[in-house]
Amino acid sequence: MIHLKHEPPEPKAYCDLRKVAGMSTKSLAAARKGLPNALFTVALYSEQQLISLGRVIGDGGTALQVVDIVVHPKYQGRGYGKLIMREVMHYIGRIAEAGTYVSLMADYPADELYRQFAFDYTEPHSAGMFKKY
């Protein structure tokens, strides 16, 4: 049975899901520090196993960032990514103010999912950049 929760997952489950899905790894220390500080979290579970996740981080007014949109490979292709994004966008729609900048970094081909939710490419006006520790 699949069930949805609006609370941060256990840090180890979060790290494990990112790894199995081929996303960049995060340390347990980083997960313990960061997960409780998200503005919004939505997680899907199959029984007790974390199978999908999405979070919103930011200042809650001027800038929001959609992060950690992930679905366990075993559960991909079942609409769970869209379900997570619908929950994320519903939250953003409730709190966004005029001028709130909502951003995300899209791995390919996930950009196709985000386009369905009216996200657009920043190129050629700007470029996504990052620094990893």
N, C-alpha and C. Protein backbone atom coordinates (compact mmCIF):
# COMPACT_ATOMS: atom_id res chain seq x y z
N MET A 1 0.83 -1.17 0.00
CA MET A 1 0.00 0.00 0.00
C MET A 1 0.89 1.25 0.00
N ILE A 2 0.60 2.19 -0.87
CA ILE A 2 1.34 3.44 -0.98
C ILE A 2 0.65 4.49 -0.11
N HIS A 3 1.43 5.18 0.71
CA HIS A 3 0.86 6.27 1.49
C HIS A 3 1.78 7.48 1.47
N LEU A 4 1.18 8.65 1.64
CA LEU A 4 1.85 9.94 1.52
C LEU A 4 1.98 10.57 2.90
N LYS A 5 3.14 11.19 3.14
CA LYS A 5 3.37 11.92 4.39
C LYS A 5 3.95 13.29 4.07
N HIS A 6 3.60 14.27 4.89
CA HIS A 6 4.17 15.60 4.77
C HIS A 6 5.11 15.85 5.94
N GLU A 7 6.14 15.05 6.01
CA GLU A 7 7.15 15.20 7.05
C GLU A 7 8.48 14.67 6.52
N PRO A 8 9.58 15.17 7.06
CA PRO A 8 10.88 14.71 6.57
C PRO A 8 11.07 13.21 6.81
N PRO A 9 11.69 12.54 5.84
CA PRO A 9 11.99 11.13 6.04
C PRO A 9 13.17 10.95 6.98
N GLU A 10 13.41 9.74 7.39
CA GLU A 10 14.61 9.44 8.17
C GLU A 10 15.83 9.74 7.30
N PRO A 11 16.86 10.34 7.88
CA PRO A 11 18.04 10.70 7.08
C PRO A 11 18.66 9.54 6.30
N LYS A 12 18.75 8.36 6.89
CA LYS A 12 19.34 7.23 6.17
C LYS A 12 18.48 6.82 4.99
N ALA A 13 17.17 6.81 5.16
CA ALA A 13 16.26 6.47 4.05
C ALA A 13 16.41 7.48 2.92
N TYR A 14 16.54 8.75 3.27
CA TYR A 14 16.74 9.82 2.29
C TYR A 14 18.04 9.58 1.51
N CYS A 15 19.11 9.36 2.22
CA CYS A 15 20.41 9.12 1.57
C CYS A 15 20.36 7.88 0.69
N ASP A 16 19.74 6.83 1.17
CA ASP A 16 19.64 5.58 0.40
C ASP A 16 18.82 5.78 -0.87
N LEU A 17 17.71 6.51 -0.79
CA LEU A 17 16.87 6.75 -1.96
C LEU A 17 17.63 7.54 -3.01
N ARG A 18 18.32 8.58 -2.61
CA ARG A 18 19.10 9.37 -3.56
C ARG A 18 20.13 8.49 -4.26
N LYS A 19 20.79 7.64 -3.49
CA LYS A 19 21.84 6.79 -4.06
C LYS A 19 21.27 5.79 -5.06
N VAL A 20 20.21 5.08 -4.71
CA VAL A 20 19.64 4.07 -5.59
C VAL A 20 19.07 4.69 -6.85
N ALA A 21 18.65 5.96 -6.76
CA ALA A 21 18.09 6.65 -7.92
C ALA A 21 19.16 7.30 -8.79
N GLY A 22 20.42 7.18 -8.39
CA GLY A 22 21.51 7.73 -9.20
C GLY A 22 21.76 9.20 -9.00
N MET A 23 21.22 9.76 -7.92
CA MET A 23 21.45 11.18 -7.63
C MET A 23 22.74 11.33 -6.83
N SER A 24 23.22 12.56 -6.69
CA SER A 24 24.43 12.79 -5.92
C SER A 24 24.21 12.36 -4.47
N THR A 25 25.27 11.87 -3.86
CA THR A 25 25.16 11.39 -2.49
C THR A 25 25.21 12.56 -1.51
N LYS A 26 24.57 12.36 -0.39
CA LYS A 26 24.59 13.32 0.72
C LYS A 26 25.03 12.56 1.96
N SER A 27 25.78 13.21 2.81
CA SER A 27 26.21 12.56 4.05
C SER A 27 25.03 12.51 5.03
N LEU A 28 25.11 11.58 5.96
CA LEU A 28 24.07 11.51 7.00
C LEU A 28 24.06 12.79 7.82
N ALA A 29 25.24 13.36 8.08
CA ALA A 29 25.31 14.61 8.84
C ALA A 29 24.57 15.72 8.11
N ALA A 30 24.78 15.83 6.80
CA ALA A 30 24.09 16.86 6.01
C ALA A 30 22.59 16.61 6.02
N ALA A 31 22.18 15.36 5.87
CA ALA A 31 20.74 15.03 5.87
C ALA A 31 20.10 15.35 7.22
N ARG A 32 20.79 15.01 8.30
CA ARG A 32 20.25 15.30 9.63
C ARG A 32 20.07 16.80 9.84
N LYS A 33 20.99 17.58 9.32
CA LYS A 33 20.93 19.03 9.46
C LYS A 33 19.89 19.64 8.54
N GLY A 34 19.85 19.19 7.29
CA GLY A 34 19.03 19.85 6.28
C GLY A 34 17.57 19.44 6.24
N LEU A 35 17.28 18.17 6.40
CA LEU A 35 15.90 17.71 6.22
C LEU A 35 14.87 18.44 7.10
N PRO A 36 15.16 18.68 8.38
CA PRO A 36 14.15 19.37 9.20
C PRO A 36 13.96 20.85 8.83
N ASN A 37 14.87 21.41 8.05
CA ASN A 37 14.81 22.83 7.73
C ASN A 37 14.09 23.14 6.42
N ALA A 38 13.59 22.13 5.73
CA ALA A 38 12.82 22.39 4.51
C ALA A 38 11.54 23.13 4.86
N LEU A 39 11.09 23.96 3.94
CA LEU A 39 9.80 24.62 4.13
C LEU A 39 8.65 23.64 3.96
N PHE A 40 8.85 22.67 3.06
CA PHE A 40 7.80 21.71 2.73
C PHE A 40 8.45 20.40 2.30
N THR A 41 7.88 19.30 2.75
CA THR A 41 8.34 17.97 2.35
C THR A 41 7.13 17.11 2.05
N VAL A 42 7.22 16.35 0.97
CA VAL A 42 6.22 15.33 0.67
C VAL A 42 6.97 14.04 0.37
N ALA A 43 6.54 12.96 0.98
CA ALA A 43 7.21 11.68 0.81
C ALA A 43 6.17 10.59 0.58
N LEU A 44 6.50 9.66 -0.31
CA LEU A 44 5.66 8.50 -0.56
C LEU A 44 6.36 7.27 -0.01
N TYR A 45 5.57 6.41 0.60
CA TYR A 45 6.09 5.18 1.17
C TYR A 45 5.30 3.99 0.65
N SER A 46 6.00 2.90 0.42
CA SER A 46 5.38 1.61 0.19
C SER A 46 5.64 0.82 1.46
N GLU A 47 4.58 0.60 2.22
CA GLU A 47 4.72 0.07 3.58
C GLU A 47 5.61 1.05 4.35
N GLN A 48 6.81 0.63 4.78
CA GLN A 48 7.72 1.51 5.53
C GLN A 48 8.86 2.04 4.67
N GLN A 49 8.94 1.63 3.39
CA GLN A 49 10.05 2.02 2.53
C GLN A 49 9.77 3.33 1.82
N LEU A 50 10.70 4.27 1.95
CA LEU A 50 10.61 5.54 1.24
C LEU A 50 10.83 5.26 -0.24
N ILE A 51 9.84 5.65 -1.08
CA ILE A 51 9.95 5.37 -2.52
C ILE A 51 9.96 6.64 -3.38
N SER A 52 9.57 7.78 -2.81
CA SER A 52 9.56 9.00 -3.59
C SER A 52 9.56 10.19 -2.64
N LEU A 53 10.10 11.31 -3.13
CA LEU A 53 10.26 12.47 -2.26
C LEU A 53 10.28 13.74 -3.08
N GLY A 54 9.89 14.82 -2.46
CA GLY A 54 10.05 16.16 -3.00
C GLY A 54 10.09 17.15 -1.86
N ARG A 55 10.91 18.20 -2.02
CA ARG A 55 11.02 19.20 -0.97
C ARG A 55 11.06 20.60 -1.58
N VAL A 56 10.70 21.58 -0.77
CA VAL A 56 10.83 22.98 -1.12
C VAL A 56 11.67 23.63 -0.03
N ILE A 57 12.70 24.35 -0.46
CA ILE A 57 13.55 25.08 0.47
C ILE A 57 13.54 26.55 0.08
N GLY A 58 14.02 27.41 0.94
CA GLY A 58 14.10 28.83 0.61
C GLY A 58 13.70 29.69 1.78
N ASP A 59 13.42 30.96 1.49
CA ASP A 59 13.08 31.91 2.55
C ASP A 59 11.58 32.07 2.76
N GLY A 60 10.79 31.41 1.93
CA GLY A 60 9.34 31.45 2.09
C GLY A 60 8.65 32.66 1.49
N GLY A 61 9.43 33.58 0.92
CA GLY A 61 8.82 34.77 0.34
C GLY A 61 9.43 35.17 -0.98
N THR A 62 10.71 35.51 -0.98
CA THR A 62 11.33 35.99 -2.22
C THR A 62 11.86 34.86 -3.09
N ALA A 63 12.28 33.76 -2.47
CA ALA A 63 12.91 32.68 -3.22
C ALA A 63 12.53 31.32 -2.67
N LEU A 64 12.13 30.45 -3.58
CA LEU A 64 11.83 29.05 -3.26
C LEU A 64 12.59 28.18 -4.24
N GLN A 65 13.06 27.04 -3.77
CA GLN A 65 13.72 26.11 -4.67
C GLN A 65 13.13 24.72 -4.47
N VAL A 66 12.78 24.10 -5.57
CA VAL A 66 12.28 22.72 -5.57
C VAL A 66 13.50 21.81 -5.62
N VAL A 67 13.60 20.91 -4.66
CA VAL A 67 14.75 20.01 -4.58
C VAL A 67 14.30 18.58 -4.28
N ASP A 68 15.22 17.67 -4.53
CA ASP A 68 15.04 16.26 -4.14
C ASP A 68 13.81 15.59 -4.75
N ILE A 69 13.45 15.96 -5.96
CA ILE A 69 12.37 15.25 -6.63
C ILE A 69 12.97 13.93 -7.10
N VAL A 70 12.55 12.85 -6.48
CA VAL A 70 13.17 11.55 -6.75
C VAL A 70 12.12 10.44 -6.59
N VAL A 71 12.24 9.43 -7.44
CA VAL A 71 11.40 8.24 -7.36
C VAL A 71 12.32 7.03 -7.45
N HIS A 72 12.16 6.10 -6.56
CA HIS A 72 12.93 4.86 -6.58
C HIS A 72 12.77 4.21 -7.95
N PRO A 73 13.85 3.74 -8.57
CA PRO A 73 13.76 3.15 -9.91
C PRO A 73 12.70 2.05 -10.05
N LYS A 74 12.52 1.27 -9.01
CA LYS A 74 11.53 0.19 -9.03
C LYS A 74 10.09 0.72 -9.16
N TYR A 75 9.88 1.99 -8.79
CA TYR A 75 8.54 2.57 -8.79
C TYR A 75 8.35 3.65 -9.85
N GLN A 76 9.34 3.84 -10.71
CA GLN A 76 9.22 4.85 -11.76
C GLN A 76 8.21 4.43 -12.82
N GLY A 77 7.66 5.41 -13.51
CA GLY A 77 6.70 5.14 -14.57
C GLY A 77 5.28 4.89 -14.08
N ARG A 78 5.02 5.17 -12.82
CA ARG A 78 3.69 4.94 -12.24
C ARG A 78 2.98 6.24 -11.86
N GLY A 79 3.56 7.37 -12.23
CA GLY A 79 2.94 8.65 -11.93
C GLY A 79 3.30 9.24 -10.58
N TYR A 80 4.23 8.62 -9.86
CA TYR A 80 4.59 9.13 -8.54
C TYR A 80 5.34 10.45 -8.61
N GLY A 81 6.16 10.64 -9.64
CA GLY A 81 6.84 11.91 -9.82
C GLY A 81 5.85 13.05 -10.02
N LYS A 82 4.82 12.80 -10.82
CA LYS A 82 3.78 13.81 -11.03
C LYS A 82 3.01 14.07 -9.75
N LEU A 83 2.72 13.04 -8.99
CA LEU A 83 2.02 13.22 -7.72
C LEU A 83 2.85 14.09 -6.78
N ILE A 84 4.13 13.82 -6.68
CA ILE A 84 5.01 14.61 -5.83
C ILE A 84 5.01 16.06 -6.31
N MET A 85 5.16 16.27 -7.61
CA MET A 85 5.18 17.64 -8.14
C MET A 85 3.85 18.35 -7.94
N ARG A 86 2.73 17.66 -8.05
CA ARG A 86 1.43 18.29 -7.78
C ARG A 86 1.37 18.78 -6.33
N GLU A 87 1.84 17.98 -5.41
CA GLU A 87 1.86 18.37 -3.99
C GLU A 87 2.77 19.58 -3.78
N VAL A 88 3.95 19.54 -4.39
CA VAL A 88 4.90 20.64 -4.28
C VAL A 88 4.28 21.93 -4.84
N MET A 89 3.69 21.83 -6.02
CA MET A 89 3.12 23.03 -6.65
C MET A 89 1.90 23.55 -5.90
N HIS A 90 1.14 22.66 -5.29
CA HIS A 90 0.01 23.10 -4.47
C HIS A 90 0.53 23.92 -3.28
N TYR A 91 1.58 23.44 -2.65
CA TYR A 91 2.18 24.18 -1.53
C TYR A 91 2.67 25.55 -2.01
N ILE A 92 3.44 25.55 -3.10
CA ILE A 92 3.98 26.81 -3.62
C ILE A 92 2.86 27.77 -3.97
N GLY A 93 1.81 27.28 -4.58
CA GLY A 93 0.67 28.13 -4.92
C GLY A 93 0.02 28.78 -3.72
N ARG A 94 0.07 28.10 -2.58
CA ARG A 94 -0.52 28.65 -1.34
C ARG A 94 0.35 29.75 -0.73
N ILE A 95 1.69 29.65 -0.85
CA ILE A 95 2.54 30.59 -0.12
C ILE A 95 3.23 31.64 -0.97
N ALA A 96 3.31 31.43 -2.29
CA ALA A 96 4.05 32.36 -3.14
C ALA A 96 3.42 33.74 -3.15
N GLU A 97 4.27 34.74 -3.17
CA GLU A 97 3.85 36.14 -3.26
C GLU A 97 4.16 36.64 -4.67
N ALA A 98 3.63 37.79 -5.03
CA ALA A 98 3.98 38.41 -6.31
C ALA A 98 5.49 38.60 -6.34
N GLY A 99 6.13 38.08 -7.37
CA GLY A 99 7.57 38.22 -7.51
C GLY A 99 8.39 37.10 -6.89
N THR A 100 7.75 36.14 -6.22
CA THR A 100 8.52 35.02 -5.67
C THR A 100 9.19 34.28 -6.81
N TYR A 101 10.49 34.03 -6.68
CA TYR A 101 11.26 33.32 -7.70
C TYR A 101 11.33 31.86 -7.29
N VAL A 102 10.80 30.98 -8.12
CA VAL A 102 10.80 29.54 -7.85
C VAL A 102 11.75 28.89 -8.84
N SER A 103 12.76 28.21 -8.32
CA SER A 103 13.77 27.61 -9.19
C SER A 103 13.94 26.14 -8.87
N LEU A 104 14.61 25.45 -9.81
CA LEU A 104 15.01 24.06 -9.61
C LEU A 104 16.13 23.75 -10.59
N MET A 105 16.88 22.73 -10.28
CA MET A 105 17.89 22.21 -11.19
C MET A 105 17.33 20.91 -11.76
N ALA A 106 17.23 20.83 -13.08
CA ALA A 106 16.61 19.67 -13.72
C ALA A 106 17.66 18.78 -14.36
N ASP A 107 17.72 17.54 -13.91
CA ASP A 107 18.52 16.54 -14.62
C ASP A 107 17.69 16.07 -15.81
N TYR A 108 18.37 15.72 -16.87
CA TYR A 108 17.67 15.21 -18.06
C TYR A 108 17.40 13.73 -17.88
N PRO A 109 16.25 13.19 -18.21
CA PRO A 109 15.12 13.81 -18.89
C PRO A 109 14.02 14.34 -17.96
N ALA A 110 14.35 14.54 -16.67
CA ALA A 110 13.34 15.03 -15.73
C ALA A 110 12.83 16.42 -16.09
N ASP A 111 13.58 17.14 -16.92
CA ASP A 111 13.12 18.46 -17.35
C ASP A 111 11.74 18.37 -18.01
N GLU A 112 11.46 17.24 -18.64
CA GLU A 112 10.16 17.06 -19.28
C GLU A 112 9.02 17.06 -18.25
N LEU A 113 9.27 16.48 -17.09
CA LEU A 113 8.29 16.50 -16.01
C LEU A 113 8.06 17.93 -15.55
N TYR A 114 9.12 18.68 -15.33
CA TYR A 114 8.99 20.03 -14.81
C TYR A 114 8.32 20.97 -15.82
N ARG A 115 8.53 20.75 -17.09
CA ARG A 115 7.87 21.56 -18.12
C ARG A 115 6.35 21.41 -18.01
N GLN A 116 5.88 20.23 -17.59
CA GLN A 116 4.44 20.01 -17.43
C GLN A 116 3.85 20.88 -16.31
N PHE A 117 4.72 21.40 -15.45
CA PHE A 117 4.29 22.24 -14.34
C PHE A 117 4.70 23.70 -14.56
N ALA A 118 4.89 24.06 -15.84
CA ALA A 118 5.15 25.43 -16.29
C ALA A 118 6.54 25.96 -15.92
N PHE A 119 7.48 25.09 -15.61
CA PHE A 119 8.86 25.53 -15.44
C PHE A 119 9.48 25.69 -16.82
N ASP A 120 10.34 26.68 -16.96
CA ASP A 120 10.97 26.95 -18.24
C ASP A 120 12.48 27.04 -18.04
N TYR A 121 13.22 26.92 -19.12
CA TYR A 121 14.67 27.00 -19.09
C TYR A 121 15.11 28.44 -18.89
N THR A 122 16.19 28.64 -18.16
CA THR A 122 16.71 29.98 -17.93
C THR A 122 17.61 30.46 -19.07
N GLU A 123 18.16 29.52 -19.83
CA GLU A 123 19.03 29.87 -20.95
C GLU A 123 18.23 30.62 -22.01
N PRO A 124 18.75 31.57 -22.68
CA PRO A 124 20.12 32.06 -22.65
C PRO A 124 20.32 33.23 -21.69
N HIS A 125 19.32 33.57 -20.89
CA HIS A 125 19.40 34.74 -20.02
C HIS A 125 20.23 34.49 -18.77
N SER A 126 20.27 33.24 -18.33
CA SER A 126 21.05 32.88 -17.14
C SER A 126 21.39 31.41 -17.22
N ALA A 127 22.29 30.99 -16.35
CA ALA A 127 22.71 29.59 -16.33
C ALA A 127 22.70 29.08 -14.90
N GLY A 128 22.28 27.84 -14.72
CA GLY A 128 22.37 27.23 -13.41
C GLY A 128 23.84 27.00 -13.07
N MET A 129 24.20 27.25 -11.83
CA MET A 129 25.57 27.06 -11.39
C MET A 129 25.54 26.39 -10.02
N PHE A 130 26.65 25.74 -9.66
CA PHE A 130 26.71 25.10 -8.36
C PHE A 130 28.14 25.00 -7.87
N LYS A 131 28.28 24.78 -6.58
CA LYS A 131 29.56 24.47 -5.94
C LYS A 131 29.28 23.39 -4.94
N LYS A 132 29.99 22.30 -5.03
CA LYS A 132 29.76 21.16 -4.15
C LYS A 132 30.93 21.00 -3.19
N TYR A 133 30.61 20.74 -1.95
CA TYR A 133 31.64 20.47 -0.93
C TYR A 133 31.74 19.00 -0.69
